[in-house]
């Protein structure tokens, strides 16, 4: 199972060591920054599953980091602070924090809150993944595993359906063969493996049998692109 990276922005180095050791047993990897500015830079430039953010730090405070990240930042954030008064809590949540945990705290309680946020994210992602996708006159419905073109059903195998689903979730973007192999076939792409190419060929053939022009473009040596049919003006 892949480790979940968490960014800890806190000037308490002993706390960073404690949480790194404790959360490692739950397949969580802590990356620590000990001041607000370096933490802000990492939060902007790298992907994390979650951010743990202290309030009182050298340089930028946690509130200033939150404000600088702004509404376009979608990584969940838990505030950690010795200041447990209601006004600070409200301010943190107003600025975009997902939760607020006053110090000192039991690491087990922090873990419970982290896991609660991860569960919520998984539920939302699952619900979103089940919503129908309509693109280039093709409608793919994950809940019923049906594909239609101009109201005509396209009969795909389970693997073909999952492969088309993955491509349609990222229209006009290259999806590598490695991503298709790992995401659909649950195995790394082996050298000289033509399985992905054969599945794509079958999808194309079945769409063309219903009169749909080829909407899956090949990027030689890399992967495939699902063409949305919408061209920028």
Foldseek 3Di string as FASTA:
>chain_A
DAAFEEEEAAQPVVVQVVLQVVCVVVSHHYDYDNALVVSLVCLVPDDGQEYEAEADGPDHGSLRSLQVVAPVRDRAYEYEYQPDDPVVQVSVVVSPHPYYDYPPDDSVVVVVVSVVVVVVVVVVVVVVLQPWFAFPQWIAGNVVRWIDHPNHTQDADPLLSQLVSVQSVPAPDFDFPQNSCCVRVVDGDDPPDCVVVVSLVVVCVSCVVVPDHDQWDDDPPTGIHGHRPDDDD
